[in-house]
PDB file of N, CA and C in Angstrom:
ATOM      1  N   MET A   1     104.628-136.451  23.857  1.00  0.00           N
ATOM      2  CA  MET A   1     104.039-134.854  23.161  1.00  0.00           C
ATOM      3  C   MET A   1     102.274-134.525  24.080  1.00  0.00           C
ATOM      4  N   GLY A   2     102.354-133.571  24.209  1.00  0.00           N
ATOM      5  CA  GLY A   2     101.101-133.684  25.252  1.00  0.00           C
ATOM      6  C   GLY A   2     101.787-134.121  26.601  1.00  0.00           C
ATOM      7  N   GLY A   3     102.295-133.792  27.320  1.00  0.00           N
ATOM      8  CA  GLY A   3     102.994-134.564  28.710  1.00  0.00           C
ATOM      9  C   GLY A   3     102.061-133.921  29.682  1.00  0.00           C
ATOM     10  N   VAL A   4     100.977-132.527  29.551  1.00  0.00           N
ATOM     11  CA  VAL A   4     100.501-132.097  30.575  1.00  0.00           C
ATOM     12  C   VAL A   4     101.501-132.336  32.052  1.00  0.00           C
ATOM     13  N   PRO A   5     101.001-132.527  33.186  1.00  0.00           N
ATOM     14  CA  PRO A   5     101.234-132.831  34.331  1.00  0.00           C
ATOM     15  C   PRO A   5     102.595-133.450  34.908  1.00  0.00           C
ATOM     16  N   GLY A   6     103.189-134.575  33.708  1.00  0.00           N
ATOM     17  CA  GLY A   6     103.907-135.260  33.929  1.00  0.00           C
ATOM     18  C   GLY A   6     103.797-136.569  34.333  1.00  0.00           C
ATOM     19  N   ARG A   7     102.472-137.165  34.438  1.00  0.00           N
ATOM     20  CA  ARG A   7     102.083-138.402  34.511  1.00  0.00           C
ATOM     21  C   ARG A   7     102.932-139.498  34.376  1.00  0.00           C
ATOM     22  N   TYR A   8     103.026-139.849  32.640  1.00  0.00           N
ATOM     23  CA  TYR A   8     103.856-140.616  32.380  1.00  0.00           C
ATOM     24  C   TYR A   8     105.122-140.416  32.212  1.00  0.00           C
ATOM     25  N   SER A   9     105.532-139.348  31.907  1.00  0.00           N
ATOM     26  CA  SER A   9     107.021-138.574  32.275  1.00  0.00           C
ATOM     27  C   SER A   9     107.710-138.990  33.446  1.00  0.00           C
ATOM     28  N   ILE A  10     106.986-138.719  34.705  1.00  0.00           N
ATOM     29  CA  ILE A  10     107.751-139.005  35.760  1.00  0.00           C
ATOM     30  C   ILE A  10     107.586-140.468  36.222  1.00  0.00           C
ATOM     31  N   TYR A  11     106.576-140.915  35.642  1.00  0.00           N
ATOM     32  CA  TYR A  11     107.029-142.753  35.885  1.00  0.00           C
ATOM     33  C   TYR A  11     108.150-143.177  35.287  1.00  0.00           C
ATOM     34  N   LEU A  12     107.917-143.019  34.023  1.00  0.00           N
ATOM     35  CA  LEU A  12     109.569-143.367  33.018  1.00  0.00           C
ATOM     36  C   LEU A  12     110.697-142.884  33.751  1.00  0.00           C
ATOM     37  N   ALA A  13     110.789-141.826  33.734  1.00  0.00           N
ATOM     38  CA  ALA A  13     112.033-141.446  34.457  1.00  0.00           C
ATOM     39  C   ALA A  13     112.434-142.028  35.827  1.00  0.00           C
ATOM     40  N   GLU A  14     111.268-142.382  36.808  1.00  0.00           N
ATOM     41  CA  GLU A  14     111.726-142.975  37.487  1.00  0.00           C
ATOM     42  C   GLU A  14     112.087-144.223  37.716  1.00  0.00           C
ATOM     43  N   LYS A  15     111.865-144.986  36.276  1.00  0.00           N
ATOM     44  CA  LYS A  15     111.780-146.368  35.914  1.00  0.00           C
ATOM     45  C   LYS A  15     113.431-146.083  35.271  1.00  0.00           C
ATOM     46  N   GLY A  16     114.281-144.939  35.278  1.00  0.00           N
ATOM     47  CA  GLY A  16     115.547-145.013  34.602  1.00  0.00           C
ATOM     48  C   GLY A  16     115.761-144.338  33.473  1.00  0.00           C
ATOM     49  N   HIS A  17     114.476-144.205  32.798  1.00  0.00           N
ATOM     50  CA  HIS A  17     114.600-143.744  31.359  1.00  0.00           C
ATOM     51  C   HIS A  17     114.698-142.136  30.920  1.00  0.00           C
ATOM     52  N   LYS A  18     115.516-141.611  29.733  1.00  0.00           N
ATOM     53  CA  LYS A  18     115.384-140.629  29.756  1.00  0.00           C
ATOM     54  C   LYS A  18     114.542-139.435  29.348  1.00  0.00           C
ATOM     55  N   VAL A  19     114.149-139.060  30.097  1.00  0.00           N
ATOM     56  CA  VAL A  19     112.753-138.387  29.571  1.00  0.00           C
ATOM     57  C   VAL A  19     112.784-136.784  29.133  1.00  0.00           C
ATOM     58  N   THR A  20     112.104-136.454  27.819  1.00  0.00           N
ATOM     59  CA  THR A  20     111.828-135.440  27.587  1.00  0.00           C
ATOM     60  C   THR A  20     110.473-134.847  27.613  1.00  0.00           C
ATOM     61  N   LEU A  21     109.719-133.724  28.110  1.00  0.00           N
ATOM     62  CA  LEU A  21     108.523-133.513  28.202  1.00  0.00           C
ATOM     63  C   LEU A  21     107.796-132.599  26.983  1.00  0.00           C
ATOM     64  N   LEU A  22     106.881-132.503  26.579  1.00  0.00           N
ATOM     65  CA  LEU A  22     106.643-131.321  25.333  1.00  0.00           C
ATOM     66  C   LEU A  22     105.375-131.488  25.895  1.00  0.00           C
ATOM     67  N   ASP A  23     104.536-129.911  25.781  1.00  0.00           N
ATOM     68  CA  ASP A  23     103.730-129.362  26.004  1.00  0.00           C
ATOM     69  C   ASP A  23     103.399-128.013  25.480  1.00  0.00           C
ATOM     70  N   LEU A  24     102.007-127.943  24.971  1.00  0.00           N
ATOM     71  CA  LEU A  24     101.733-126.813  24.991  1.00  0.00           C
ATOM     72  C   LEU A  24     101.673-125.633  25.317  1.00  0.00           C
ATOM     73  N   SER A  25     100.902-125.832  26.797  1.00  0.00           N
ATOM     74  CA  SER A  25     100.877-125.231  28.071  1.00  0.00           C
ATOM     75  C   SER A  25     102.114-125.451  29.387  1.00  0.00           C
ATOM     76  N   ARG A  26     102.326-123.649  28.816  1.00  0.00           N
ATOM     77  CA  ARG A  26     103.547-123.702  29.957  1.00  0.00           C
ATOM     78  C   ARG A  26     103.038-123.649  31.500  1.00  0.00           C
ATOM     79  N   ARG A  27     101.964-123.423  31.890  1.00  0.00           N
ATOM     80  CA  ARG A  27     101.378-124.325  32.744  1.00  0.00           C
ATOM     81  C   ARG A  27     101.701-125.289  33.353  1.00  0.00           C
ATOM     82  N   ASN A  28     101.359-126.230  32.146  1.00  0.00           N
ATOM     83  CA  ASN A  28     101.246-127.942  32.618  1.00  0.00           C
ATOM     84  C   ASN A  28     102.816-128.162  32.304  1.00  0.00           C
ATOM     85  N   ILE A  29     103.740-127.762  32.014  1.00  0.00           N
ATOM     86  CA  ILE A  29     105.396-127.319  32.585  1.00  0.00           C
ATOM     87  C   ILE A  29     105.664-127.390  33.892  1.00  0.00           C
ATOM     88  N   GLU A  30     105.170-126.036  34.448  1.00  0.00           N
ATOM     89  CA  GLU A  30     105.449-125.977  35.638  1.00  0.00           C
ATOM     90  C   GLU A  30     104.878-126.857  36.357  1.00  0.00           C
ATOM     91  N   VAL A  31     103.891-127.318  36.290  1.00  0.00           N
ATOM     92  CA  VAL A  31     102.916-128.475  37.504  1.00  0.00           C
ATOM     93  C   VAL A  31     104.189-129.539  37.270  1.00  0.00           C
ATOM     94  N   ALA A  32     104.422-129.915  35.830  1.00  0.00           N
ATOM     95  CA  ALA A  32     105.241-130.921  35.848  1.00  0.00           C
ATOM     96  C   ALA A  32     106.762-130.965  36.703  1.00  0.00           C
ATOM     97  N   LYS A  33     106.930-129.954  36.830  1.00  0.00           N
ATOM     98  CA  LYS A  33     108.399-129.357  36.898  1.00  0.00           C
ATOM     99  C   LYS A  33     108.180-129.864  38.411  1.00  0.00           C
ATOM    100  N   GLU A  34     107.353-129.338  39.226  1.00  0.00           N
ATOM    101  CA  GLU A  34     106.891-129.233  40.534  1.00  0.00           C
ATOM    102  C   GLU A  34     106.792-130.933  41.365  1.00  0.00           C
ATOM    103  N   LYS A  35     105.970-131.435  39.933  1.00  0.00           N
ATOM    104  CA  LYS A  35     105.756-132.713  40.628  1.00  0.00           C
ATOM    105  C   LYS A  35     106.417-133.463  40.335  1.00  0.00           C
ATOM    106  N   SER A  36     107.612-133.651  39.570  1.00  0.00           N
ATOM    107  CA  SER A  36     108.900-134.103  39.621  1.00  0.00           C
ATOM    108  C   SER A  36     109.846-133.891  40.883  1.00  0.00           C
ATOM    109  N   ALA A  37     110.088-132.967  40.688  1.00  0.00           N
ATOM    110  CA  ALA A  37     110.776-132.294  41.886  1.00  0.00           C
ATOM    111  C   ALA A  37     110.017-133.161  43.141  1.00  0.00           C
ATOM    112  N   GLU A  38     109.112-133.245  43.578  1.00  0.00           N
ATOM    113  CA  GLU A  38     108.509-133.180  45.061  1.00  0.00           C
ATOM    114  C   GLU A  38     108.695-134.908  45.029  1.00  0.00           C
ATOM    115  N   ARG A  39     109.235-135.337  44.027  1.00  0.00           N
ATOM    116  CA  ARG A  39     109.419-137.077  44.002  1.00  0.00           C
ATOM    117  C   ARG A  39     111.058-137.490  43.908  1.00  0.00           C
ATOM    118  N   GLY A  40     111.627-135.961  43.710  1.00  0.00           N
ATOM    119  CA  GLY A  40     112.988-136.045  43.202  1.00  0.00           C
ATOM    120  C   GLY A  40     114.012-136.358  41.710  1.00  0.00           C
ATOM    121  N   ILE A  41     112.860-136.618  40.842  1.00  0.00           N
ATOM    122  CA  ILE A  41     113.291-136.742  39.480  1.00  0.00           C
ATOM    123  C   ILE A  41     113.322-135.293  38.588  1.00  0.00           C
ATOM    124  N   LEU A  42     114.527-135.411  37.825  1.00  0.00           N
ATOM    125  CA  LEU A  42     114.773-134.434  36.908  1.00  0.00           C
ATOM    126  C   LEU A  42     114.673-135.065  35.621  1.00  0.00           C
ATOM    127  N   LEU A  43     113.854-134.411  35.305  1.00  0.00           N
ATOM    128  CA  LEU A  43     113.383-135.193  33.385  1.00  0.00           C
ATOM    129  C   LEU A  43     114.532-134.548  32.777  1.00  0.00           C
ATOM    130  N   GLU A  44     115.051-135.339  31.571  1.00  0.00           N
ATOM    131  CA  GLU A  44     116.049-134.912  30.552  1.00  0.00           C
ATOM    132  C   GLU A  44     115.483-133.301  30.061  1.00  0.00           C
ATOM    133  N   ASP A  45     114.545-132.756  29.994  1.00  0.00           N
ATOM    134  CA  ASP A  45     113.995-131.684  29.470  1.00  0.00           C
ATOM    135  C   ASP A  45     112.808-131.570  29.784  1.00  0.00           C
ATOM    136  N   TYR A  46     112.207-130.280  29.506  1.00  0.00           N
ATOM    137  CA  TYR A  46     110.816-129.531  29.558  1.00  0.00           C
ATOM    138  C   TYR A  46     110.695-128.665  28.576  1.00  0.00           C
ATOM    139  N   VAL A  47     109.828-129.034  27.700  1.00  0.00           N
ATOM    140  CA  VAL A  47     109.813-128.660  26.433  1.00  0.00           C
ATOM    141  C   VAL A  47     108.677-127.596  26.134  1.00  0.00           C
ATOM    142  N   HIS A  48     108.495-126.281  25.743  1.00  0.00           N
ATOM    143  CA  HIS A  48     107.156-125.758  25.603  1.00  0.00           C
ATOM    144  C   HIS A  48     107.277-125.482  24.245  1.00  0.00           C
ATOM    145  N   GLY A  49     106.278-126.373  23.312  1.00  0.00           N
ATOM    146  CA  GLY A  49     106.284-126.342  22.050  1.00  0.00           C
ATOM    147  C   GLY A  49     104.771-127.047  21.367  1.00  0.00           C
ATOM    148  N   ASN A  50     104.539-126.632  20.395  1.00  0.00           N
ATOM    149  CA  ASN A  50     103.400-127.044  19.718  1.00  0.00           C
ATOM    150  C   ASN A  50     103.636-128.535  19.124  1.00  0.00           C
ATOM    151  N   ALA A  51     102.815-129.654  19.420  1.00  0.00           N
ATOM    152  CA  ALA A  51     103.029-131.261  18.393  1.00  0.00           C
ATOM    153  C   ALA A  51     102.681-130.417  16.701  1.00  0.00           C
ATOM    154  N   LEU A  52     102.644-129.812  15.997  1.00  0.00           N
ATOM    155  CA  LEU A  52     102.038-129.254  14.714  1.00  0.00           C
ATOM    156  C   LEU A  52     103.275-128.568  14.429  1.00  0.00           C
ATOM    157  N   GLU A  53     104.336-128.457  15.457  1.00  0.00           N
ATOM    158  CA  GLU A  53     105.411-127.421  14.892  1.00  0.00           C
ATOM    159  C   GLU A  53     106.498-128.060  15.349  1.00  0.00           C
ATOM    160  N   LEU A  54     107.022-129.379  14.864  1.00  0.00           N
ATOM    161  CA  LEU A  54     107.898-129.822  15.470  1.00  0.00           C
ATOM    162  C   LEU A  54     109.568-130.159  14.268  1.00  0.00           C
ATOM    163  N   GLU A  55     109.329-129.073  13.378  1.00  0.00           N
ATOM    164  CA  GLU A  55     110.234-129.154  12.596  1.00  0.00           C
ATOM    165  C   GLU A  55     111.609-128.354  13.099  1.00  0.00           C
ATOM    166  N   GLU A  56     111.953-127.636  13.975  1.00  0.00           N
ATOM    167  CA  GLU A  56     113.035-127.417  14.529  1.00  0.00           C
ATOM    168  C   GLU A  56     113.416-128.355  15.413  1.00  0.00           C
ATOM    169  N   TYR A  57     112.991-129.409  15.708  1.00  0.00           N
ATOM    170  CA  TYR A  57     113.398-130.599  16.444  1.00  0.00           C
ATOM    171  C   TYR A  57     114.702-131.419  15.823  1.00  0.00           C
ATOM    172  N   GLU A  58     115.531-131.981  16.694  1.00  0.00           N
ATOM    173  CA  GLU A  58     116.222-132.961  15.847  1.00  0.00           C
ATOM    174  C   GLU A  58     115.576-134.343  15.399  1.00  0.00           C
ATOM    175  N   PRO A  59     115.826-134.485  13.827  1.00  0.00           N
ATOM    176  CA  PRO A  59     115.081-135.395  13.673  1.00  0.00           C
ATOM    177  C   PRO A  59     115.683-136.935  14.370  1.00  0.00           C
ATOM    178  N   GLU A  60     114.914-137.678  14.005  1.00  0.00           N
ATOM    179  CA  GLU A  60     115.569-139.028  14.633  1.00  0.00           C
ATOM    180  C   GLU A  60     116.486-139.030  16.193  1.00  0.00           C
ATOM    181  N   LYS A  61     115.878-138.603  16.859  1.00  0.00           N
ATOM    182  CA  LYS A  61     116.364-138.212  18.451  1.00  0.00           C
ATOM    183  C   LYS A  61     115.845-139.656  19.375  1.00  0.00           C
ATOM    184  N   TYR A  62     114.435-139.726  19.159  1.00  0.00           N
ATOM    185  CA  TYR A  62     114.131-140.686  20.454  1.00  0.00           C
ATOM    186  C   TYR A  62     113.225-142.109  20.118  1.00  0.00           C
ATOM    187  N   ASP A  63     114.053-142.779  20.776  1.00  0.00           N
ATOM    188  CA  ASP A  63     113.850-144.335  20.487  1.00  0.00           C
ATOM    189  C   ASP A  63     111.975-144.497  20.929  1.00  0.00           C
ATOM    190  N   VAL A  64     111.622-143.681  21.770  1.00  0.00           N
ATOM    191  CA  VAL A  64     109.971-144.008  22.053  1.00  0.00           C
ATOM    192  C   VAL A  64     109.529-142.555  21.968  1.00  0.00           C
ATOM    193  N   ILE A  65     107.975-142.504  21.642  1.00  0.00           N
ATOM    194  CA  ILE A  65     107.573-141.197  21.571  1.00  0.00           C
ATOM    195  C   ILE A  65     105.753-141.632  22.096  1.00  0.00           C
ATOM    196  N   LEU A  66     105.533-141.416  22.959  1.00  0.00           N
ATOM    197  CA  LEU A  66     104.196-141.178  23.707  1.00  0.00           C
ATOM    198  C   LEU A  66     103.531-139.787  22.825  1.00  0.00           C
ATOM    199  N   LEU A  67     102.223-140.104  22.276  1.00  0.00           N
ATOM    200  CA  LEU A  67     101.602-139.175  21.533  1.00  0.00           C
ATOM    201  C   LEU A  67     100.085-139.242  21.841  1.00  0.00           C
ATOM    202  N   MET A  68     100.084-138.848  23.290  1.00  0.00           N
ATOM    203  CA  MET A  68      99.045-139.443  23.292  1.00  0.00           C
ATOM    204  C   MET A  68      97.983-137.602  24.212  1.00  0.00           C
ATOM    205  N   GLY A  69      98.243-136.332  24.471  1.00  0.00           N
ATOM    206  CA  GLY A  69      97.610-135.387  24.521  1.00  0.00           C
ATOM    207  C   GLY A  69      97.376-134.886  23.163  1.00  0.00           C
ATOM    208  N   PRO A  70      98.072-134.561  21.918  1.00  0.00           N
ATOM    209  CA  PRO A  70      97.328-133.979  20.880  1.00  0.00           C
ATOM    210  C   PRO A  70      96.222-133.983  20.371  1.00  0.00           C
ATOM    211  N   LEU A  71      96.313-135.588  20.432  1.00  0.00           N
ATOM    212  CA  LEU A  71      95.608-136.565  19.590  1.00  0.00           C
ATOM    213  C   LEU A  71      93.770-135.987  19.869  1.00  0.00           C
ATOM    214  N   TYR A  72      94.220-135.763  21.420  1.00  0.00           N
ATOM    215  CA  TYR A  72      92.698-135.529  21.716  1.00  0.00           C
ATOM    216  C   TYR A  72      92.051-134.197  21.595  1.00  0.00           C
ATOM    217  N   GLN A  73      92.860-133.050  21.245  1.00  0.00           N
ATOM    218  CA  GLN A  73      92.732-131.854  21.059  1.00  0.00           C
ATOM    219  C   GLN A  73      92.285-131.337  19.614  1.00  0.00           C
ATOM    220  N   LEU A  74      92.801-132.186  18.732  1.00  0.00           N
ATOM    221  CA  LEU A  74      92.840-132.029  17.197  1.00  0.00           C
ATOM    222  C   LEU A  74      91.809-132.226  16.794  1.00  0.00           C
ATOM    223  N   ILE A  75      90.921-131.167  15.999  1.00  0.00           N
ATOM    224  CA  ILE A  75      89.044-131.685  15.285  1.00  0.00           C
ATOM    225  C   ILE A  75      90.170-132.336  14.202  1.00  0.00           C
ATOM    226  N   ASP A  76      90.553-131.021  13.173  1.00  0.00           N
ATOM    227  CA  ASP A  76      90.658-132.000  11.924  1.00  0.00           C
ATOM    228  C   ASP A  76      91.892-132.515  11.417  1.00  0.00           C
ATOM    229  N   GLU A  77      91.508-133.593  10.866  1.00  0.00           N
ATOM    230  CA  GLU A  77      92.499-134.870  10.376  1.00  0.00           C
ATOM    231  C   GLU A  77      93.560-134.560  10.000  1.00  0.00           C
ATOM    232  N   LYS A  78      93.724-133.400   9.351  1.00  0.00           N
ATOM    233  CA  LYS A  78      95.135-132.600   8.688  1.00  0.00           C
ATOM    234  C   LYS A  78      95.766-132.724   9.615  1.00  0.00           C
ATOM    235  N   ASP A  79      95.336-131.883  10.919  1.00  0.00           N
ATOM    236  CA  ASP A  79      96.481-130.957  11.953  1.00  0.00           C
ATOM    237  C   ASP A  79      96.508-132.667  12.811  1.00  0.00           C
ATOM    238  N   ARG A  80      95.591-134.087  12.899  1.00  0.00           N
ATOM    239  CA  ARG A  80      95.924-135.164  13.717  1.00  0.00           C
ATOM    240  C   ARG A  80      96.952-135.721  13.094  1.00  0.00           C
ATOM    241  N   LYS A  81      97.057-135.681  11.396  1.00  0.00           N
ATOM    242  CA  LYS A  81      98.113-136.365  10.406  1.00  0.00           C
ATOM    243  C   LYS A  81      99.268-135.603  10.486  1.00  0.00           C
ATOM    244  N   ALA A  82      99.052-134.485  10.650  1.00  0.00           N
ATOM    245  CA  ALA A  82     100.640-133.594  10.670  1.00  0.00           C
ATOM    246  C   ALA A  82     101.407-133.585  12.238  1.00  0.00           C
ATOM    247  N   ALA A  83     100.333-134.072  13.146  1.00  0.00           N
ATOM    248  CA  ALA A  83     101.496-134.215  14.676  1.00  0.00           C
ATOM    249  C   ALA A  83     101.825-135.826  14.530  1.00  0.00           C
ATOM    250  N   ILE A  84     101.002-136.893  13.612  1.00  0.00           N
ATOM    251  CA  ILE A  84     102.063-138.093  13.809  1.00  0.00           C
ATOM    252  C   ILE A  84     102.880-138.004  12.950  1.00  0.00           C
ATOM    253  N   GLU A  85     102.968-137.523  11.733  1.00  0.00           N
ATOM    254  CA  GLU A  85     104.427-137.081  11.204  1.00  0.00           C
ATOM    255  C   GLU A  85     105.178-136.679  11.482  1.00  0.00           C
ATOM    256  N   GLY A  86     104.419-135.244  12.426  1.00  0.00           N
ATOM    257  CA  GLY A  86     106.115-134.689  13.391  1.00  0.00           C
ATOM    258  C   GLY A  86     106.680-135.491  13.944  1.00  0.00           C
ATOM    259  N   ALA A  87     105.833-136.414  15.038  1.00  0.00           N
ATOM    260  CA  ALA A  87     106.494-137.277  15.812  1.00  0.00           C
ATOM    261  C   ALA A  87     107.060-138.312  15.529  1.00  0.00           C
ATOM    262  N   LEU A  88     106.500-139.081  14.269  1.00  0.00           N
ATOM    263  CA  LEU A  88     107.617-140.017  13.504  1.00  0.00           C
ATOM    264  C   LEU A  88     108.811-139.950  13.179  1.00  0.00           C
ATOM    265  N   ARG A  89     108.953-138.167  12.185  1.00  0.00           N
ATOM    266  CA  ARG A  89     110.093-137.544  12.009  1.00  0.00           C
ATOM    267  C   ARG A  89     111.547-137.316  13.464  1.00  0.00           C
ATOM    268  N   LEU A  90     110.696-137.462  14.128  1.00  0.00           N
ATOM    269  CA  LEU A  90     111.389-137.542  15.449  1.00  0.00           C
ATOM    270  C   LEU A  90     111.803-138.724  15.866  1.00  0.00           C
ATOM    271  N   LEU A  91     110.957-140.107  15.363  1.00  0.00           N
ATOM    272  CA  LEU A  91     111.199-141.280  15.939  1.00  0.00           C
ATOM    273  C   LEU A  91     112.602-141.813  15.220  1.00  0.00           C
ATOM    274  N   LYS A  92     113.563-142.294  16.249  1.00  0.00           N
ATOM    275  CA  LYS A  92     115.098-143.182  15.741  1.00  0.00           C
ATOM    276  C   LYS A  92     114.055-144.383  14.998  1.00  0.00           C
ATOM    277  N   PRO A  93     115.174-144.702  13.629  1.00  0.00           N
ATOM    278  CA  PRO A  93     114.461-145.828  13.288  1.00  0.00           C
ATOM    279  C   PRO A  93     114.308-147.068  13.788  1.00  0.00           C
ATOM    280  N   ASN A  94     113.152-147.569  13.938  1.00  0.00           N
ATOM    281  CA  ASN A  94     112.773-148.944  14.648  1.00  0.00           C
ATOM    282  C   ASN A  94     112.386-148.651  16.049  1.00  0.00           C
ATOM    283  N   GLY A  95     112.178-147.253  15.816  1.00  0.00           N
ATOM    284  CA  GLY A  95     111.690-146.858  17.452  1.00  0.00           C
ATOM    285  C   GLY A  95     110.134-147.277  17.571  1.00  0.00           C
ATOM    286  N   ILE A  96     109.529-146.816  18.649  1.00  0.00           N
ATOM    287  CA  ILE A  96     108.104-147.007  18.988  1.00  0.00           C
ATOM    288  C   ILE A  96     107.220-145.801  19.490  1.00  0.00           C
ATOM    289  N   ILE A  97     105.940-146.034  18.545  1.00  0.00           N
ATOM    290  CA  ILE A  97     105.163-144.501  18.910  1.00  0.00           C
ATOM    291  C   ILE A  97     103.978-144.978  19.282  1.00  0.00           C
ATOM    292  N   PHE A  98     103.762-144.487  20.334  1.00  0.00           N
ATOM    293  CA  PHE A  98     102.430-144.818  21.573  1.00  0.00           C
ATOM    294  C   PHE A  98     101.339-143.541  20.955  1.00  0.00           C
ATOM    295  N   ALA A  99     100.228-143.823  20.610  1.00  0.00           N
ATOM    296  CA  ALA A  99      99.765-142.548  19.991  1.00  0.00           C
ATOM    297  C   ALA A  99      97.851-143.260  20.780  1.00  0.00           C
ATOM    298  N   SER A 100      97.803-142.153  20.847  1.00  0.00           N
ATOM    299  CA  SER A 100      95.863-142.054  21.559  1.00  0.00           C
ATOM    300  C   SER A 100      95.308-140.860  21.227  1.00  0.00           C
ATOM    301  N   PHE A 101      93.768-141.373  21.111  1.00  0.00           N
ATOM    302  CA  PHE A 101      93.008-140.375  20.721  1.00  0.00           C
ATOM    303  C   PHE A 101      91.604-140.451  20.814  1.00  0.00           C
ATOM    304  N   ILE A 102      90.644-139.593  21.736  1.00  0.00           N
ATOM    305  CA  ILE A 102      89.179-139.833  21.627  1.00  0.00           C
ATOM    306  C   ILE A 102      89.227-138.670  21.516  1.00  0.00           C
ATOM    307  N   SER A 103      87.962-138.726  20.822  1.00  0.00           N
ATOM    308  CA  SER A 103      87.665-136.935  20.199  1.00  0.00           C
ATOM    309  C   SER A 103      86.256-137.197  19.289  1.00  0.00           C
ATOM    310  N   ASN A 104      85.262-136.629  19.595  1.00  0.00           N
ATOM    311  CA  ASN A 104      84.018-136.677  18.988  1.00  0.00           C
ATOM    312  C   ASN A 104      83.754-136.264  17.654  1.00  0.00           C
ATOM    313  N   TYR A 105      85.252-135.767  17.332  1.00  0.00           N
ATOM    314  CA  TYR A 105      85.493-135.529  15.951  1.00  0.00           C
ATOM    315  C   TYR A 105      86.214-136.542  15.484  1.00  0.00           C
ATOM    316  N   ALA A 106      86.703-137.676  15.828  1.00  0.00           N
ATOM    317  CA  ALA A 106      87.143-138.586  14.957  1.00  0.00           C
ATOM    318  C   ALA A 106      86.493-139.612  15.136  1.00  0.00           C
ATOM    319  N   PRO A 107      86.015-140.011  13.735  1.00  0.00           N
ATOM    320  CA  PRO A 107      85.157-140.977  13.531  1.00  0.00           C
ATOM    321  C   PRO A 107      86.019-142.564  14.015  1.00  0.00           C
ATOM    322  N   ILE A 108      86.523-142.841  15.177  1.00  0.00           N
ATOM    323  CA  ILE A 108      87.052-143.570  15.191  1.00  0.00           C
ATOM    324  C   ILE A 108      86.486-145.424  14.884  1.00  0.00           C
ATOM    325  N   GLN A 109      85.773-145.813  14.749  1.00  0.00           N
ATOM    326  CA  GLN A 109      84.822-146.747  14.045  1.00  0.00           C
ATOM    327  C   GLN A 109      85.664-146.982  12.703  1.00  0.00           C
ATOM    328  N   ASP A 110      85.763-145.548  12.240  1.00  0.00           N
ATOM    329  CA  ASP A 110      86.548-146.059  10.521  1.00  0.00           C
ATOM    330  C   ASP A 110      87.552-146.228  10.587  1.00  0.00           C
ATOM    331  N   TYR A 111      88.777-146.093  11.923  1.00  0.00           N
ATOM    332  CA  TYR A 111      90.012-146.218  12.304  1.00  0.00           C
ATOM    333  C   TYR A 111      89.756-147.803  12.412  1.00  0.00           C
ATOM    334  N   LEU A 112      88.803-148.380  12.975  1.00  0.00           N
ATOM    335  CA  LEU A 112      89.118-149.766  13.533  1.00  0.00           C
ATOM    336  C   LEU A 112      88.320-150.774  12.874  1.00  0.00           C
ATOM    337  N   LYS A 113      86.958-150.473  11.888  1.00  0.00           N
ATOM    338  CA  LYS A 113      86.502-151.146  11.212  1.00  0.00           C
ATOM    339  C   LYS A 113      86.899-152.646  10.742  1.00  0.00           C
ATOM    340  N   ASP A 114      88.277-152.462  10.418  1.00  0.00           N
ATOM    341  CA  ASP A 114      88.923-153.528   9.341  1.00  0.00           C
ATOM    342  C   ASP A 114      89.557-155.112  10.639  1.00  0.00           C
ATOM    343  N   LEU A 115      89.442-154.381  11.598  1.00  0.00           N
ATOM    344  CA  LEU A 115      90.408-154.449  12.606  1.00  0.00           C
ATOM    345  C   LEU A 115      89.951-155.750  13.408  1.00  0.00           C
ATOM    346  N   TYR A 116      88.579-156.015  13.583  1.00  0.00           N
ATOM    347  CA  TYR A 116      88.127-156.660  14.309  1.00  0.00           C
ATOM    348  C   TYR A 116      86.752-157.780  13.234  1.00  0.00           C
ATOM    349  N   PRO A 117      86.751-158.706  13.506  1.00  0.00           N
ATOM    350  CA  PRO A 117      85.443-159.466  12.851  1.00  0.00           C
ATOM    351  C   PRO A 117      84.324-158.879  13.234  1.00  0.00           C
ATOM    352  N   LYS A 118      83.290-158.846  12.138  1.00  0.00           N
ATOM    353  CA  LYS A 118      82.019-158.280  12.474  1.00  0.00           C
ATOM    354  C   LYS A 118      81.039-159.094  13.307  1.00  0.00           C
ATOM    355  N   ILE A 119      80.574-158.421  13.639  1.00  0.00           N
ATOM    356  CA  ILE A 119      79.648-159.541  14.872  1.00  0.00           C
ATOM    357  C   ILE A 119      78.473-159.417  14.377  1.00  0.00           C
ATOM    358  N   ARG A 120      77.971-160.455  14.151  1.00  0.00           N
ATOM    359  CA  ARG A 120      75.824-160.670  14.058  1.00  0.00           C
ATOM    360  C   ARG A 120      75.477-159.838  14.542  1.00  0.00           C
ATOM    361  N   PRO A 121      74.280-159.066  14.701  1.00  0.00           N
ATOM    362  CA  PRO A 121      73.471-158.954  15.651  1.00  0.00           C
ATOM    363  C   PRO A 121      72.933-159.928  16.030  1.00  0.00           C
ATOM    364  N   ARG A 122      72.479-160.098  17.144  1.00  0.00           N
ATOM    365  CA  ARG A 122      71.203-160.947  17.997  1.00  0.00           C
ATOM    366  C   ARG A 122      70.092-161.490  17.007  1.00  0.00           C
ATOM    367  N   GLN A 123      69.977-162.553  16.833  1.00  0.00           N
ATOM    368  CA  GLN A 123      68.784-162.896  16.484  1.00  0.00           C
ATOM    369  C   GLN A 123      67.380-162.957  17.208  1.00  0.00           C
ATOM    370  N   LYS A 124      66.409-162.512  16.985  1.00  0.00           N
ATOM    371  CA  LYS A 124      65.021-162.272  17.944  1.00  0.00           C
ATOM    372  C   LYS A 124      64.944-163.506  18.125  1.00  0.00           C
ATOM    373  N   SER A 125      64.601-164.042  19.482  1.00  0.00           N
ATOM    374  CA  SER A 125      63.903-165.067  20.338  1.00  0.00           C
ATOM    375  C   SER A 125      62.930-165.411  19.964  1.00  0.00           C
ATOM    376  N   HIS A 126      62.225-166.442  19.072  1.00  0.00           N
ATOM    377  CA  HIS A 126      60.813-166.718  18.799  1.00  0.00           C
ATOM    378  C   HIS A 126      60.376-167.566  20.057  1.00  0.00           C
ATOM    379  N   GLY A 127      60.873-167.795  21.017  1.00  0.00           N
ATOM    380  CA  GLY A 127      60.589-168.659  22.368  1.00  0.00           C
ATOM    381  C   GLY A 127      59.775-167.834  23.391  1.00  0.00           C
ATOM    382  N   ASN A 128      59.867-168.791  24.236  1.00  0.00           N
ATOM    383  CA  ASN A 128      59.296-168.115  25.967  1.00  0.00           C
ATOM    384  C   ASN A 128      60.075-166.648  26.079  1.00  0.00           C
ATOM    385  N   GLN A 129      59.522-165.723  26.589  1.00  0.00           N
ATOM    386  CA  GLN A 129      60.612-164.644  27.082  1.00  0.00           C
ATOM    387  C   GLN A 129      60.210-164.435  28.083  1.00  0.00           C
TER     388      GLN A 129
END
C-alpha cells in the first residue's frame, strides 16, 4: 500500500511474486505501469485506493503486505492505527506485514523506548582534556 511509482512492486514481481500495487495517486499508478512495462513486468493489479478505505477489498487475501507509504503521510494516530488494522484485515493468517513510517507527527521514540537498553549519558572526564 502506498506503492508510489512501484519500485518495490516491480522488484518483487521480477523475482516471481504476484504483486498488487495500491496507491492514492492515479499519477503514481500510471508511472508504475510505465516503469513496469519498460522492464517487461506486469503486476497482478494496479489499484487506485485509499489505505483508510479498505473495507471493500477481500479479507485475508495477501501473504505479505508492504505498508510503507501511507504511514509517512498520516498525521493522526487514529488514522495510522486504521491503516494498520485495514492492512491486517487483508493479510492471510500467519502472513507478514512490513510497516514503516517517518513523520514529524509520529513520536517514534515512544514506539521504540522499550526495545533497546537505556544508554547512560557519558560521564564528564575530570582529567586532561
